[in-house]
C-alpha atoms as a PDB file:
ATOM      1  CA  MET A   1     -52.134  39.141  55.302  1.00  0.00           C
ATOM      2  CA  LYS A   2     -52.717  42.043  57.682  1.00  0.00           C
ATOM      3  CA  HIS A   3     -56.007  43.829  57.091  1.00  0.00           C
ATOM      4  CA  PRO A   4     -56.352  47.606  57.549  1.00  0.00           C
ATOM      5  CA  SER A   5     -58.358  48.764  60.560  1.00  0.00           C
ATOM      6  CA  LEU A   6     -62.043  49.674  60.234  1.00  0.00           C
ATOM      7  CA  GLU A   7     -61.123  53.324  60.773  1.00  0.00           C
ATOM      8  CA  THR A   8     -58.732  53.226  57.821  1.00  0.00           C
ATOM      9  CA  LEU A   9     -61.365  51.558  55.618  1.00  0.00           C
ATOM     10  CA  ALA A  10     -63.963  54.162  56.617  1.00  0.00           C
ATOM     11  CA  LEU A  11     -61.538  57.005  55.871  1.00  0.00           C
ATOM     12  CA  HIS A  12     -60.747  55.397  52.498  1.00  0.00           C
ATOM     13  CA  ALA A  13     -64.475  55.223  51.700  1.00  0.00           C
ATOM     14  CA  GLY A  14     -64.784  58.954  52.430  1.00  0.00           C
ATOM     15  CA  ASN A  15     -61.587  59.746  50.469  1.00  0.00           C
ATOM     16  CA  ASP A  16     -60.047  61.238  53.631  1.00  0.00           C
ATOM     17  CA  LEU A  17     -56.728  59.346  53.724  1.00  0.00           C
ATOM     18  CA  GLY A  18     -53.313  60.752  52.906  1.00  0.00           C
ATOM     19  CA  TRP A  19     -51.718  59.759  49.633  1.00  0.00           C
ATOM     20  CA  LEU A  20     -49.457  57.031  51.075  1.00  0.00           C
ATOM     21  CA  ALA A  21     -52.165  55.432  53.249  1.00  0.00           C
ATOM     22  CA  LYS A  22     -54.632  55.705  50.351  1.00  0.00           C
ATOM     23  CA  TRP A  23     -52.184  53.927  48.009  1.00  0.00           C
ATOM     24  CA  ARG A  24     -51.489  51.115  50.535  1.00  0.00           C
ATOM     25  CA  THR A  25     -55.207  50.627  51.245  1.00  0.00           C
ATOM     26  CA  ALA A  26     -56.109  50.596  47.540  1.00  0.00           C
ATOM     27  CA  ARG A  27     -53.371  48.012  46.948  1.00  0.00           C
ATOM     28  CA  HIS A  28     -54.799  45.861  49.744  1.00  0.00           C
ATOM     29  CA  LEU A  29     -58.389  46.273  48.481  1.00  0.00           C
ATOM     30  CA  ALA A  30     -57.373  44.997  45.028  1.00  0.00           C
ATOM     31  CA  ASN A  31     -56.551  41.592  46.577  1.00  0.00           C
ATOM     32  CA  CYS A  32     -59.023  41.396  49.498  1.00  0.00           C
ATOM     33  CA  ALA A  33     -62.729  40.996  48.764  1.00  0.00           C
ATOM     34  CA  GLU A  34     -63.659  41.121  52.464  1.00  0.00           C
ATOM     35  CA  CYS A  35     -62.150  44.595  52.974  1.00  0.00           C
ATOM     36  CA  ALA A  36     -63.549  45.793  49.630  1.00  0.00           C
ATOM     37  CA  ALA A  37     -67.033  44.798  50.859  1.00  0.00           C
ATOM     38  CA  GLU A  38     -66.463  46.791  54.079  1.00  0.00           C
ATOM     39  CA  VAL A  39     -65.471  49.872  52.044  1.00  0.00           C
ATOM     40  CA  SER A  40     -68.573  49.440  49.878  1.00  0.00           C
ATOM     41  CA  ALA A  41     -70.749  49.240  53.019  1.00  0.00           C
ATOM     42  CA  PHE A  42     -69.141  52.430  54.361  1.00  0.00           C
ATOM     43  CA  GLU A  43     -69.796  54.206  51.035  1.00  0.00           C
ATOM     44  CA  ASP A  44     -73.476  53.117  51.135  1.00  0.00           C
ATOM     45  CA  LEU A  45     -73.790  54.338  54.728  1.00  0.00           C
ATOM     46  CA  ARG A  46     -72.244  57.655  53.734  1.00  0.00           C
ATOM     47  CA  ASP A  47     -74.795  58.061  50.913  1.00  0.00           C
ATOM     48  CA  GLU A  48     -77.683  57.289  53.293  1.00  0.00           C
ATOM     49  CA  ALA A  49     -76.409  59.811  55.838  1.00  0.00           C
ATOM     50  CA  ALA A  50     -76.383  62.505  53.154  1.00  0.00           C
ATOM     51  CA  ASP A  51     -80.150  62.036  52.745  1.00  0.00           C
ATOM     52  CA  HIS A  52     -80.737  62.736  56.469  1.00  0.00           C
ATOM     53  CA  ARG A  53     -78.752  65.967  56.660  1.00  0.00           C
ATOM     54  CA  GLN A  54     -81.754  68.260  56.397  1.00  0.00           C
ATOM     55  CA  LEU A  55     -82.643  70.054  59.612  1.00  0.00           C
ATOM     56  CA  PRO A  56     -86.187  69.779  60.915  1.00  0.00           C
ATOM     57  CA  ASP A  57     -88.307  72.909  61.146  1.00  0.00           C
ATOM     58  CA  ILE A  58     -87.325  74.700  64.316  1.00  0.00           C
ATOM     59  CA  GLN A  59     -88.939  77.771  65.826  1.00  0.00           C
ATOM     60  CA  TRP A  60     -85.778  79.831  66.178  1.00  0.00           C
ATOM     61  CA  ASN A  61     -87.455  82.772  67.944  1.00  0.00           C
ATOM     62  CA  ARG A  62     -88.801  80.563  70.723  1.00  0.00           C
ATOM     63  CA  LEU A  63     -85.408  78.862  71.091  1.00  0.00           C
ATOM     64  CA  ALA A  64     -83.619  82.241  71.244  1.00  0.00           C
ATOM     65  CA  SER A  65     -85.989  83.541  73.951  1.00  0.00           C
ATOM     66  CA  GLU A  66     -85.455  80.365  76.031  1.00  0.00           C
ATOM     67  CA  MET A  67     -81.696  80.779  75.742  1.00  0.00           C
ATOM     68  CA  GLN A  68     -81.874  84.427  76.833  1.00  0.00           C
ATOM     69  CA  ALA A  69     -84.045  83.474  79.827  1.00  0.00           C
ATOM     70  CA  ASN A  70     -81.537  80.771  80.843  1.00  0.00           C
ATOM     71  CA  ILE A  71     -78.662  83.259  80.588  1.00  0.00           C
ATOM     72  CA  ARG A  72     -80.502  85.802  82.733  1.00  0.00           C
ATOM     73  CA  LEU A  73     -81.304  83.098  85.302  1.00  0.00           C
ATOM     74  CA  GLY A  74     -77.639  82.034  85.438  1.00  0.00           C
ATOM     75  CA  VAL A  75     -76.443  85.620  85.928  1.00  0.00           C
ATOM     76  CA  ALA A  76     -78.991  86.187  88.706  1.00  0.00           C
ATOM     77  CA  ALA A  77     -77.982  82.940  90.436  1.00  0.00           C
ATOM     78  CA  GLY A  78     -74.350  83.976  90.214  1.00  0.00           C
ATOM     79  CA  GLU A  79     -75.140  87.300  91.886  1.00  0.00           C
ATOM     80  CA  CYS A  80     -76.894  85.497  94.769  1.00  0.00           C
ATOM     81  CA  VAL A  81     -73.996  83.210  95.642  1.00  0.00           C
ATOM     82  CA  ARG A  82     -71.154  85.653  94.985  1.00  0.00           C
ATOM     83  CA  GLU A  83     -68.974  86.351  98.003  1.00  0.00           C
ATOM     84  CA  ALA A  84     -67.635  89.743  98.901  1.00  0.00           C
ATOM     85  CA  PRO A  85     -64.332  90.373  97.122  1.00  0.00           C
ATOM     86  CA  VAL A  86     -61.251  89.827  99.276  1.00  0.00           C
ATOM     87  CA  ARG A  87     -58.695  92.581  99.084  1.00  0.00           C
ATOM     88  CA  LEU A  88     -55.204  91.404  98.281  1.00  0.00           C
ATOM     89  CA  MET A  89     -53.605  93.388 101.099  1.00  0.00           C
ATOM     90  CA  GLU A  90     -55.826  91.746 103.739  1.00  0.00           C
ATOM     91  CA  GLN A  91     -54.677  88.220 102.896  1.00  0.00           C
ATOM     92  CA  PRO A  92     -51.000  87.341 103.521  1.00  0.00           C
ATOM     93  CA  VAL A  93     -49.185  85.836 100.557  1.00  0.00           C
ATOM     94  CA  PHE A  94     -46.986  83.467 102.566  1.00  0.00           C
ATOM     95  CA  ARG A  95     -48.154  81.744 105.702  1.00  0.00           C
ATOM     96  CA  GLY A  96     -46.659  78.962 107.871  1.00  0.00           C
ATOM     97  CA  VAL A  97     -45.171  76.096 105.869  1.00  0.00           C
ATOM     98  CA  ARG A  98     -45.207  78.071 102.637  1.00  0.00           C
ATOM     99  CA  MET A  99     -43.096  80.802 104.221  1.00  0.00           C
ATOM    100  CA  ALA A 100     -40.585  78.296 105.608  1.00  0.00           C
ATOM    101  CA  PHE A 101     -40.323  76.582 102.237  1.00  0.00           C
ATOM    102  CA  ALA A 102     -39.790  79.894 100.438  1.00  0.00           C
ATOM    103  CA  VAL A 103     -37.034  80.978 102.858  1.00  0.00           C
ATOM    104  CA  ALA A 104     -35.333  77.561 102.646  1.00  0.00           C
ATOM    105  CA  SER A 105     -35.414  77.724  98.842  1.00  0.00           C
ATOM    106  CA  ILE A 106     -33.832  81.178  98.814  1.00  0.00           C
ATOM    107  CA  VAL A 107     -31.102  80.105 101.257  1.00  0.00           C
ATOM    108  CA  ALA A 108     -30.375  76.989  99.167  1.00  0.00           C
ATOM    109  CA  MET A 109     -30.117  79.074  95.980  1.00  0.00           C
ATOM    110  CA  LEU A 110     -27.740  81.534  97.658  1.00  0.00           C
ATOM    111  CA  ALA A 111     -25.555  78.701  98.985  1.00  0.00           C
ATOM    112  CA  ALA A 112     -25.450  77.064  95.537  1.00  0.00           C
ATOM    113  CA  GLY A 113     -24.512  80.404  93.966  1.00  0.00           C
ATOM    114  CA  VAL A 114     -21.632  80.909  96.398  1.00  0.00           C
ATOM    115  CA  ALA A 115     -20.423  77.327  95.905  1.00  0.00           C
ATOM    116  CA  LEU A 116     -20.538  77.657  92.125  1.00  0.00           C
ATOM    117  CA  GLN A 117     -18.821  81.040  92.210  1.00  0.00           C
ATOM    118  CA  HIS A 118     -15.789  79.642  94.083  1.00  0.00           C
ATOM    119  CA  PRO A 119     -15.384  75.962  93.160  1.00  0.00           C
ATOM    120  CA  ALA A 120     -12.774  73.913  95.000  1.00  0.00           C
ATOM    121  CA  PRO A 121      -9.706  73.118  92.859  1.00  0.00           C
ATOM    122  CA  LYS A 122      -9.486  69.537  91.706  1.00  0.00           C
ATOM    123  CA  VAL A 123      -6.308  67.881  92.885  1.00  0.00           C
ATOM    124  CA  ALA A 124      -5.370  64.554  91.364  1.00  0.00           C
ATOM    125  CA  GLN A 125      -4.986  61.907  94.040  1.00  0.00           C
ATOM    126  CA  GLN A 126      -2.930  59.570  91.868  1.00  0.00           C
ATOM    127  CA  ARG A 127       0.856  59.759  91.791  1.00  0.00           C
ATOM    128  CA  ASN A 128       2.940  58.165  89.125  1.00  0.00           C
ATOM    129  CA  ASP A 129       6.260  56.900  90.511  1.00  0.00           C
ATOM    130  CA  GLY A 130       7.841  57.262  87.065  1.00  0.00           C
ATOM    131  CA  PHE A 131       7.305  61.046  87.114  1.00  0.00           C
ATOM    132  CA  VAL A 132       9.521  62.771  89.694  1.00  0.00           C
ATOM    133  CA  LEU A 133      10.113  66.504  90.093  1.00  0.00           C
ATOM    134  CA  MET A 134      13.751  67.572  90.097  1.00  0.00           C
ATOM    135  CA  ASN A 135      12.985  70.760  92.088  1.00  0.00           C
ATOM    136  CA  ALA A 136      13.091  69.583  95.691  1.00  0.00           C
ATOM    137  CA  GLY A 137      11.750  72.818  97.165  1.00  0.00           C
ATOM    138  CA  ALA A 138       8.533  72.910  95.097  1.00  0.00           C
ATOM    139  CA  GLN A 139       5.426  73.902  97.043  1.00  0.00           C
ATOM    140  CA  ASP A 140       1.750  73.057  96.444  1.00  0.00           C
ATOM    141  CA  VAL A 141       2.480  70.359  93.844  1.00  0.00           C
ATOM    142  CA  THR A 142      -0.573  69.148  91.943  1.00  0.00           C
ATOM    143  CA  TYR A 143      -0.201  66.006  89.827  1.00  0.00           C
ATOM    144  CA  SER A 144      -2.573  65.148  86.984  1.00  0.00           C
ATOM    145  CA  VAL A 145      -2.893  62.041  84.832  1.00  0.00           C
ATOM    146  CA  SER A 146      -5.097  61.906  81.727  1.00  0.00           C
ATOM    147  CA  ALA A 147      -6.643  58.946  79.979  1.00  0.00           C
ATOM    148  CA  LYS A 148      -4.896  59.942  76.740  1.00  0.00           C
ATOM    149  CA  GLY A 149      -1.473  59.139  78.193  1.00  0.00           C
ATOM    150  CA  SER A 150      -0.194  62.427  79.586  1.00  0.00           C
ATOM    151  CA  VAL A 151       1.207  63.118  83.054  1.00  0.00           C
ATOM    152  CA  GLY A 152       1.506  66.622  84.441  1.00  0.00           C
ATOM    153  CA  ALA A 153       2.622  68.547  87.490  1.00  0.00           C
ATOM    154  CA  ARG A 154       1.931  72.106  88.592  1.00  0.00           C
ATOM    155  CA  TYR A 155       3.877  73.732  91.406  1.00  0.00           C
ATOM    156  CA  MET A 156       5.168  77.011  92.777  1.00  0.00           C
ATOM    157  CA  ASP A 157       8.901  77.641  92.915  1.00  0.00           C
ATOM    158  CA  PRO A 158       9.813  79.035  96.382  1.00  0.00           C
ATOM    159  CA  GLU A 159      12.746  81.126  95.111  1.00  0.00           C
ATOM    160  CA  THR A 160      11.060  82.904  92.183  1.00  0.00           C
ATOM    161  CA  GLU A 161       7.436  82.475  93.400  1.00  0.00           C
ATOM    162  CA  GLN A 162       6.405  81.582  89.874  1.00  0.00           C
ATOM    163  CA  VAL A 163       4.036  78.787  88.968  1.00  0.00           C
ATOM    164  CA  THR A 164       5.531  76.116  86.742  1.00  0.00           C
ATOM    165  CA  MET A 165       3.418  73.676  84.744  1.00  0.00           C
ATOM    166  CA  THR A 166       5.040  70.577  83.250  1.00  0.00           C
ATOM    167  CA  LYS A 167       3.289  68.048  81.024  1.00  0.00           C
ATOM    168  CA  VAL A 168       4.772  64.849  79.532  1.00  0.00           C
ATOM    169  CA  TYR A 169       2.969  63.034  76.729  1.00  0.00           C
ATOM    170  CA  VAL A 170       3.414  59.295  76.130  1.00  0.00           C
ATOM    171  CA  GLU A 171       2.977  57.721  72.712  1.00  0.00           C
END
């Protein structure tokens, strides 16, 4: 039998558990005298703590004046150690390694943008000997083979200068 943690038992004693955790803990407490005794001890401790909740007599005016004096002292100390403000225009934003890193990042982003704007065409490197073009004068032939069983070719006819795409599907 797995016992609930002490935190769960304490929360059950204070009636601070959710409905599902409360139901599971109550079901466990019905069969476990050891955990029921722990819950009873937590309830007794909670009742004793309620008796000690009264605040002692405090001189609030004296406490408020001490707090104000401490605040004034902190402000005065801050004024003593404060440095002269640095103007933003006097201090360069990028210097040395930071400047080199910033320029390299911008160059890399520009190069990636150009490369993504004009991607290289993908040409299939595989050739299927069972698929032969009948047009002997075809130029720039690109073969493609798919995993679903299709074979294709794309080429430009030299006489008409039109692009022809052929695809054969196998079942």
